[in-house]
Amino acid sequence: MSLSNRSRLPLAMTLAVLALGLAGCSGGSISNPFSTASEQPPPPPMQSLPPAFPPQDIVGRWGLAAFHKPEDRPRTEAAAADQCKQPYIITLGTSGGVMMHLADQATPTELRLKGAQGGKTFIGPADDPPGGQQDREVVSFDGRVLVLRWMDTEVQGRYGTMVYVRCGPEGEQRPKPKPKAKTAAKPKVPPKPIQPPIQQVPPAR
C-alpha cells in the first residue's frame, strides 16, 4: 500500500464518525442491532373495576373438588357436593375481602374480588392488579356453583380448575328428620249418661 493510500484511510474513518454524529444531532436514531424482543417493556396491568358480584355472595360452606379436563366438570361437581361432609368455609375478612387459601399455603389469607375489562372477575391479593400470578379467575358463578382457574400455569397444572358447590338445601342432601316417638294414647272415658231432671210432686191436700 502506498503512503498516499495510508493517509486516506484514517481520513475516511474520521469522516464516517462525523457523519454519524451529525445524524444523531439532527434527530435521527440508530437502532441497536443487539436489542431483543425480551427487553421490550411488559404490557400495562389491567385496570381494576368493580367485580361482578360482592364478596358476601361467596361466604359460606362449600364442597370442593377439581378437574383438569373440561369433560370432567359434571362429574367433579357431583364429587364436590359429596365433600360437604367436610366443607371448605369462606368467611368475610376485616378489610372487605374474603378469607381463602393461596396456592401452597396452609393458612387462609384475606383476598379481594377484583373486576376487569370484559366482565371478568378475579380473586387474589389486594396489592396485585387483576389477573396477577397469584389470582384465580372466576370462570363461572351462578350462586350455587363457583368455578375458579389459577392464573399461574404451573399452579393450574398441579391443582386444576377448582369447583366449589354450595352446601345447603341446593348443594347438600340433608338427612331426613327422625320420626317423632308416639306417645301413649290416653284411655277414653265414656261420657256420663244424661239424667232427666227430677220433677217434684206437690203434696196432696
C-alpha atoms as a PDB file:
ATOM      1  CA  MET A   1       0.000   0.000   0.000  1.00  0.00           C
ATOM      2  CA  SER A   2       1.377   3.429  -0.982  1.00  0.00           C
ATOM      3  CA  LEU A   3       1.862   6.250   1.509  1.00  0.00           C
ATOM      4  CA  SER A   4      -0.964   8.256  -0.042  1.00  0.00           C
ATOM      5  CA  ASN A   5      -3.447   5.409   0.442  1.00  0.00           C
ATOM      6  CA  ARG A   6      -2.374   5.021   4.082  1.00  0.00           C
ATOM      7  CA  SER A   7      -3.057   8.689   4.782  1.00  0.00           C
ATOM      8  CA  ARG A   8      -6.516   8.497   3.200  1.00  0.00           C
ATOM      9  CA  LEU A   9      -7.716   5.599   5.404  1.00  0.00           C
ATOM     10  CA  PRO A  10      -7.762   7.474   8.754  1.00  0.00           C
ATOM     11  CA  LEU A  11      -9.350  10.454   6.992  1.00  0.00           C
ATOM     12  CA  ALA A  12     -12.211   8.255   5.698  1.00  0.00           C
ATOM     13  CA  MET A  13     -12.824   6.797   9.140  1.00  0.00           C
ATOM     14  CA  THR A  14     -12.907  10.269  10.693  1.00  0.00           C
ATOM     15  CA  LEU A  15     -15.449  11.448   8.143  1.00  0.00           C
ATOM     16  CA  ALA A  16     -17.655   8.423   8.839  1.00  0.00           C
ATOM     17  CA  VAL A  17     -17.649   9.092  12.601  1.00  0.00           C
ATOM     18  CA  LEU A  18     -18.505  12.753  11.990  1.00  0.00           C
ATOM     19  CA  ALA A  19     -21.402  11.753   9.740  1.00  0.00           C
ATOM     20  CA  LEU A  20     -22.846   9.503  12.445  1.00  0.00           C
ATOM     21  CA  GLY A  21     -22.509  12.260  15.000  1.00  0.00           C
ATOM     22  CA  LEU A  22     -24.291  14.747  12.765  1.00  0.00           C
ATOM     23  CA  ALA A  23     -27.121  12.266  12.184  1.00  0.00           C
ATOM     24  CA  GLY A  24     -27.593  11.934  15.949  1.00  0.00           C
ATOM     25  CA  CYS A  25     -27.650  15.685  16.427  1.00  0.00           C
ATOM     26  CA  SER A  26     -30.189  16.191  13.650  1.00  0.00           C
ATOM     27  CA  GLY A  27     -32.730  13.976  15.453  1.00  0.00           C
ATOM     28  CA  GLY A  28     -32.058  10.699  13.606  1.00  0.00           C
ATOM     29  CA  SER A  29     -31.944   7.478  15.606  1.00  0.00           C
ATOM     30  CA  ILE A  30     -29.755   4.451  15.166  1.00  0.00           C
ATOM     31  CA  SER A  31     -31.299   1.109  16.042  1.00  0.00           C
ATOM     32  CA  ASN A  32     -29.357  -1.174  18.320  1.00  0.00           C
ATOM     33  CA  PRO A  33     -28.700  -4.423  16.439  1.00  0.00           C
ATOM     34  CA  PHE A  34     -28.140  -6.238  19.742  1.00  0.00           C
ATOM     35  CA  SER A  35     -31.545  -5.412  21.241  1.00  0.00           C
ATOM     36  CA  THR A  36     -34.000  -8.325  21.686  1.00  0.00           C
ATOM     37  CA  ALA A  37     -37.750  -8.576  21.995  1.00  0.00           C
ATOM     38  CA  SER A  38     -37.393  -9.697  25.629  1.00  0.00           C
ATOM     39  CA  GLU A  39     -36.135  -6.232  26.537  1.00  0.00           C
ATOM     40  CA  GLN A  40     -39.417  -4.651  25.487  1.00  0.00           C
ATOM     41  CA  PRO A  41     -41.478  -3.221  28.382  1.00  0.00           C
ATOM     42  CA  PRO A  42     -44.247  -5.541  29.681  1.00  0.00           C
ATOM     43  CA  PRO A  43     -47.850  -4.721  28.816  1.00  0.00           C
ATOM     44  CA  PRO A  44     -49.587  -2.421  31.296  1.00  0.00           C
ATOM     45  CA  PRO A  45     -51.608  -4.182  34.013  1.00  0.00           C
ATOM     46  CA  MET A  46     -55.366  -4.456  33.673  1.00  0.00           C
ATOM     47  CA  GLN A  47     -57.359  -1.660  35.229  1.00  0.00           C
ATOM     48  CA  SER A  48     -59.233  -2.670  38.370  1.00  0.00           C
ATOM     49  CA  LEU A  49     -63.020  -2.386  38.110  1.00  0.00           C
ATOM     50  CA  PRO A  50     -65.903  -3.402  40.398  1.00  0.00           C
ATOM     51  CA  PRO A  51     -66.353  -7.202  40.496  1.00  0.00           C
ATOM     52  CA  ALA A  52     -69.358  -8.934  39.003  1.00  0.00           C
ATOM     53  CA  PHE A  53     -70.656  -9.825  42.489  1.00  0.00           C
ATOM     54  CA  PRO A  54     -69.907  -8.735  46.081  1.00  0.00           C
ATOM     55  CA  PRO A  55     -67.769 -10.857  48.414  1.00  0.00           C
ATOM     56  CA  GLN A  56     -70.802 -11.650  50.574  1.00  0.00           C
ATOM     57  CA  ASP A  57     -72.133 -13.833  47.758  1.00  0.00           C
ATOM     58  CA  ILE A  58     -69.414 -16.460  48.215  1.00  0.00           C
ATOM     59  CA  VAL A  59     -69.376 -16.533  52.012  1.00  0.00           C
ATOM     60  CA  GLY A  60     -70.493 -19.859  53.418  1.00  0.00           C
ATOM     61  CA  ARG A  61     -69.818 -23.596  53.335  1.00  0.00           C
ATOM     62  CA  TRP A  62     -68.639 -25.252  50.119  1.00  0.00           C
ATOM     63  CA  GLY A  63     -67.841 -28.712  48.859  1.00  0.00           C
ATOM     64  CA  LEU A  64     -64.565 -28.561  46.925  1.00  0.00           C
ATOM     65  CA  ALA A  65     -63.100 -30.646  44.086  1.00  0.00           C
ATOM     66  CA  ALA A  66     -61.007 -30.020  40.936  1.00  0.00           C
ATOM     67  CA  PHE A  67     -60.691 -31.185  37.333  1.00  0.00           C
ATOM     68  CA  HIS A  68     -58.108 -30.927  34.549  1.00  0.00           C
ATOM     69  CA  LYS A  69     -60.252 -31.840  31.539  1.00  0.00           C
ATOM     70  CA  PRO A  70     -63.396 -29.828  30.703  1.00  0.00           C
ATOM     71  CA  GLU A  71     -65.369 -33.014  30.075  1.00  0.00           C
ATOM     72  CA  ASP A  72     -64.815 -33.984  33.729  1.00  0.00           C
ATOM     73  CA  ARG A  73     -66.648 -30.931  35.073  1.00  0.00           C
ATOM     74  CA  PRO A  74     -70.102 -32.551  35.628  1.00  0.00           C
ATOM     75  CA  ARG A  75     -68.539 -35.466  37.492  1.00  0.00           C
ATOM     76  CA  THR A  76     -66.397 -33.056  39.521  1.00  0.00           C
ATOM     77  CA  GLU A  77     -69.449 -31.036  40.576  1.00  0.00           C
ATOM     78  CA  ALA A  78     -71.044 -34.205  41.929  1.00  0.00           C
ATOM     79  CA  ALA A  79     -67.811 -35.079  43.754  1.00  0.00           C
ATOM     80  CA  ALA A  80     -67.658 -31.566  45.238  1.00  0.00           C
ATOM     81  CA  ALA A  81     -71.207 -31.867  46.572  1.00  0.00           C
ATOM     82  CA  ASP A  82     -70.176 -35.056  48.371  1.00  0.00           C
ATOM     83  CA  GLN A  83     -67.422 -33.124  50.158  1.00  0.00           C
ATOM     84  CA  CYS A  84     -69.977 -31.134  52.167  1.00  0.00           C
ATOM     85  CA  LYS A  85     -69.325 -33.600  54.970  1.00  0.00           C
ATOM     86  CA  GLN A  86     -66.018 -31.743  55.384  1.00  0.00           C
ATOM     87  CA  PRO A  87     -66.832 -28.332  53.842  1.00  0.00           C
ATOM     88  CA  TYR A  88     -64.442 -25.596  52.809  1.00  0.00           C
ATOM     89  CA  ILE A  89     -65.555 -22.483  54.708  1.00  0.00           C
ATOM     90  CA  ILE A  90     -65.232 -18.962  53.248  1.00  0.00           C
ATOM     91  CA  THR A  91     -65.685 -16.050  55.665  1.00  0.00           C
ATOM     92  CA  LEU A  92     -65.506 -12.276  55.349  1.00  0.00           C
ATOM     93  CA  GLY A  93     -62.215 -10.566  56.108  1.00  0.00           C
ATOM     94  CA  THR A  94     -61.675  -7.447  58.182  1.00  0.00           C
ATOM     95  CA  SER A  95     -60.943  -5.229  55.152  1.00  0.00           C
ATOM     96  CA  GLY A  96     -63.854  -6.124  52.878  1.00  0.00           C
ATOM     97  CA  GLY A  97     -62.333  -9.239  51.316  1.00  0.00           C
ATOM     98  CA  VAL A  98     -62.798 -12.961  51.841  1.00  0.00           C
ATOM     99  CA  MET A  99     -60.650 -15.432  53.738  1.00  0.00           C
ATOM    100  CA  MET A 100     -59.335 -18.090  51.343  1.00  0.00           C
ATOM    101  CA  HIS A 101     -56.111 -20.027  50.745  1.00  0.00           C
ATOM    102  CA  LEU A 102     -53.447 -19.074  48.230  1.00  0.00           C
ATOM    103  CA  ALA A 103     -51.551 -21.810  46.408  1.00  0.00           C
ATOM    104  CA  ASP A 104     -49.328 -23.923  48.667  1.00  0.00           C
ATOM    105  CA  GLN A 105     -50.328 -22.023  51.812  1.00  0.00           C
ATOM    106  CA  ALA A 106     -51.813 -23.735  54.843  1.00  0.00           C
ATOM    107  CA  THR A 107     -53.163 -20.548  56.418  1.00  0.00           C
ATOM    108  CA  PRO A 108     -56.024 -18.592  54.801  1.00  0.00           C
ATOM    109  CA  THR A 109     -55.331 -15.034  53.634  1.00  0.00           C
ATOM    110  CA  GLU A 110     -57.723 -12.163  53.066  1.00  0.00           C
ATOM    111  CA  LEU A 111     -58.205 -11.882  49.316  1.00  0.00           C
ATOM    112  CA  ARG A 112     -60.030  -9.255  47.307  1.00  0.00           C
ATOM    113  CA  LEU A 113     -62.561  -9.619  44.497  1.00  0.00           C
ATOM    114  CA  LYS A 114     -61.280  -7.547  41.557  1.00  0.00           C
ATOM    115  CA  GLY A 115     -63.154  -6.765  38.378  1.00  0.00           C
ATOM    116  CA  ALA A 116     -61.539  -6.204  34.985  1.00  0.00           C
ATOM    117  CA  GLN A 117     -62.489  -5.348  31.432  1.00  0.00           C
ATOM    118  CA  GLY A 118     -64.693  -7.808  29.594  1.00  0.00           C
ATOM    119  CA  GLY A 119     -66.784  -8.546  32.675  1.00  0.00           C
ATOM    120  CA  LYS A 120     -64.017 -10.656  34.235  1.00  0.00           C
ATOM    121  CA  THR A 121     -63.627 -11.112  37.985  1.00  0.00           C
ATOM    122  CA  PHE A 122     -60.501 -12.268  39.807  1.00  0.00           C
ATOM    123  CA  ILE A 123     -59.859 -13.333  43.400  1.00  0.00           C
ATOM    124  CA  GLY A 124     -56.396 -12.592  44.776  1.00  0.00           C
ATOM    125  CA  PRO A 125     -54.214 -10.308  46.908  1.00  0.00           C
ATOM    126  CA  ALA A 126     -55.428  -6.717  47.074  1.00  0.00           C
ATOM    127  CA  ASP A 127     -51.993  -5.294  46.193  1.00  0.00           C
ATOM    128  CA  ASP A 128     -51.784  -7.164  42.873  1.00  0.00           C
ATOM    129  CA  PRO A 129     -53.551  -5.911  39.735  1.00  0.00           C
ATOM    130  CA  PRO A 130     -56.378  -8.053  38.329  1.00  0.00           C
ATOM    131  CA  GLY A 131     -55.064 -11.162  36.622  1.00  0.00           C
ATOM    132  CA  GLY A 132     -51.834 -11.357  38.655  1.00  0.00           C
ATOM    133  CA  GLN A 133     -49.914 -14.586  39.089  1.00  0.00           C
ATOM    134  CA  GLN A 134     -51.483 -15.283  42.487  1.00  0.00           C
ATOM    135  CA  ASP A 135     -55.024 -14.596  41.274  1.00  0.00           C
ATOM    136  CA  ARG A 136     -57.771 -17.005  40.326  1.00  0.00           C
ATOM    137  CA  GLU A 137     -60.168 -16.068  37.559  1.00  0.00           C
ATOM    138  CA  VAL A 138     -63.872 -16.659  38.105  1.00  0.00           C
ATOM    139  CA  VAL A 139     -64.792 -18.925  35.196  1.00  0.00           C
ATOM    140  CA  SER A 140     -68.449 -19.066  36.209  1.00  0.00           C
ATOM    141  CA  PHE A 141     -70.679 -18.430  39.225  1.00  0.00           C
ATOM    142  CA  ASP A 142     -74.433 -18.961  39.394  1.00  0.00           C
ATOM    143  CA  GLY A 143     -74.920 -18.611  43.134  1.00  0.00           C
ATOM    144  CA  ARG A 144     -74.654 -22.355  43.715  1.00  0.00           C
ATOM    145  CA  VAL A 145     -71.538 -23.456  41.792  1.00  0.00           C
ATOM    146  CA  LEU A 146     -68.319 -21.388  41.749  1.00  0.00           C
ATOM    147  CA  VAL A 147     -65.562 -22.345  39.259  1.00  0.00           C
ATOM    148  CA  LEU A 148     -62.079 -20.789  39.639  1.00  0.00           C
ATOM    149  CA  ARG A 149     -59.000 -21.103  37.405  1.00  0.00           C
ATOM    150  CA  TRP A 150     -55.458 -20.353  38.618  1.00  0.00           C
ATOM    151  CA  MET A 151     -53.628 -17.689  36.613  1.00  0.00           C
ATOM    152  CA  ASP A 152     -50.234 -19.262  37.276  1.00  0.00           C
ATOM    153  CA  THR A 153     -49.955 -22.008  34.645  1.00  0.00           C
ATOM    154  CA  GLU A 154     -47.669 -24.111  36.837  1.00  0.00           C
ATOM    155  CA  VAL A 155     -50.123 -23.990  39.743  1.00  0.00           C
ATOM    156  CA  GLN A 156     -53.050 -24.612  37.391  1.00  0.00           C
ATOM    157  CA  GLY A 157     -51.263 -27.699  36.089  1.00  0.00           C
ATOM    158  CA  ARG A 158     -50.885 -29.071  39.606  1.00  0.00           C
ATOM    159  CA  TYR A 159     -54.210 -28.130  41.187  1.00  0.00           C
ATOM    160  CA  GLY A 160     -56.518 -27.975  38.176  1.00  0.00           C
ATOM    161  CA  THR A 161     -59.691 -25.918  37.887  1.00  0.00           C
ATOM    162  CA  MET A 162     -61.378 -25.567  41.273  1.00  0.00           C
ATOM    163  CA  VAL A 163     -65.101 -26.324  41.625  1.00  0.00           C
ATOM    164  CA  TYR A 164     -66.986 -25.126  44.710  1.00  0.00           C
ATOM    165  CA  VAL A 165     -70.534 -26.400  45.274  1.00  0.00           C
ATOM    166  CA  ARG A 166     -72.528 -24.625  47.964  1.00  0.00           C
ATOM    167  CA  CYS A 167     -73.573 -26.804  50.886  1.00  0.00           C
ATOM    168  CA  GLY A 168     -77.174 -26.432  51.939  1.00  0.00           C
ATOM    169  CA  PRO A 169     -80.623 -27.126  50.529  1.00  0.00           C
ATOM    170  CA  GLU A 170     -79.308 -26.863  46.933  1.00  0.00           C
ATOM    171  CA  GLY A 171     -75.808 -28.258  47.394  1.00  0.00           C
ATOM    172  CA  GLU A 172     -76.152 -30.943  50.031  1.00  0.00           C
ATOM    173  CA  GLN A 173     -78.564 -33.780  50.554  1.00  0.00           C
ATOM    174  CA  ARG A 174     -79.735 -33.147  54.063  1.00  0.00           C
ATOM    175  CA  PRO A 175     -80.529 -36.141  56.290  1.00  0.00           C
ATOM    176  CA  LYS A 176     -84.186 -36.984  56.688  1.00  0.00           C
ATOM    177  CA  PRO A 177     -85.650 -35.906  60.030  1.00  0.00           C
ATOM    178  CA  LYS A 178     -86.196 -38.693  62.535  1.00  0.00           C
ATOM    179  CA  PRO A 179     -89.846 -39.602  63.142  1.00  0.00           C
ATOM    180  CA  LYS A 180     -91.188 -38.397  66.426  1.00  0.00           C
ATOM    181  CA  ALA A 181     -91.879 -41.037  69.067  1.00  0.00           C
ATOM    182  CA  LYS A 182     -95.551 -41.780  69.502  1.00  0.00           C
ATOM    183  CA  THR A 183     -96.941 -41.020  72.935  1.00  0.00           C
ATOM    184  CA  ALA A 184     -99.256 -43.468  74.645  1.00  0.00           C
ATOM    185  CA  ALA A 185    -102.847 -42.642  73.953  1.00  0.00           C
ATOM    186  CA  LYS A 186    -104.920 -41.739  76.968  1.00  0.00           C
ATOM    187  CA  PRO A 187    -107.852 -44.100  77.636  1.00  0.00           C
ATOM    188  CA  LYS A 188    -111.108 -42.703  76.538  1.00  0.00           C
ATOM    189  CA  VAL A 189    -113.591 -42.041  79.342  1.00  0.00           C
ATOM    190  CA  PRO A 190    -117.168 -42.813  78.350  1.00  0.00           C
ATOM    191  CA  PRO A 191    -119.421 -39.843  78.653  1.00  0.00           C
ATOM    192  CA  LYS A 192    -121.709 -39.745  81.618  1.00  0.00           C
ATOM    193  CA  PRO A 193    -125.352 -40.530  80.824  1.00  0.00           C
ATOM    194  CA  ILE A 194    -127.613 -37.551  80.822  1.00  0.00           C
ATOM    195  CA  GLN A 195    -130.207 -37.915  83.586  1.00  0.00           C
ATOM    196  CA  PRO A 196    -133.620 -36.279  83.141  1.00  0.00           C
ATOM    197  CA  PRO A 197    -134.378 -33.572  85.642  1.00  0.00           C
ATOM    198  CA  ILE A 198    -136.340 -34.725  88.761  1.00  0.00           C
ATOM    199  CA  GLN A 199    -139.793 -33.312  88.872  1.00  0.00           C
ATOM    200  CA  GLN A 200    -141.111 -32.506  92.321  1.00  0.00           C
ATOM    201  CA  VAL A 201    -144.696 -33.739  93.001  1.00  0.00           C
ATOM    202  CA  PRO A 202    -146.800 -31.308  95.088  1.00  0.00           C
ATOM    203  CA  PRO A 203    -148.216 -32.762  98.330  1.00  0.00           C
ATOM    204  CA  ALA A 204    -151.858 -33.916  98.352  1.00  0.00           C
ATOM    205  CA  ARG A 205    -154.368 -31.613 100.106  1.00  0.00           C
END
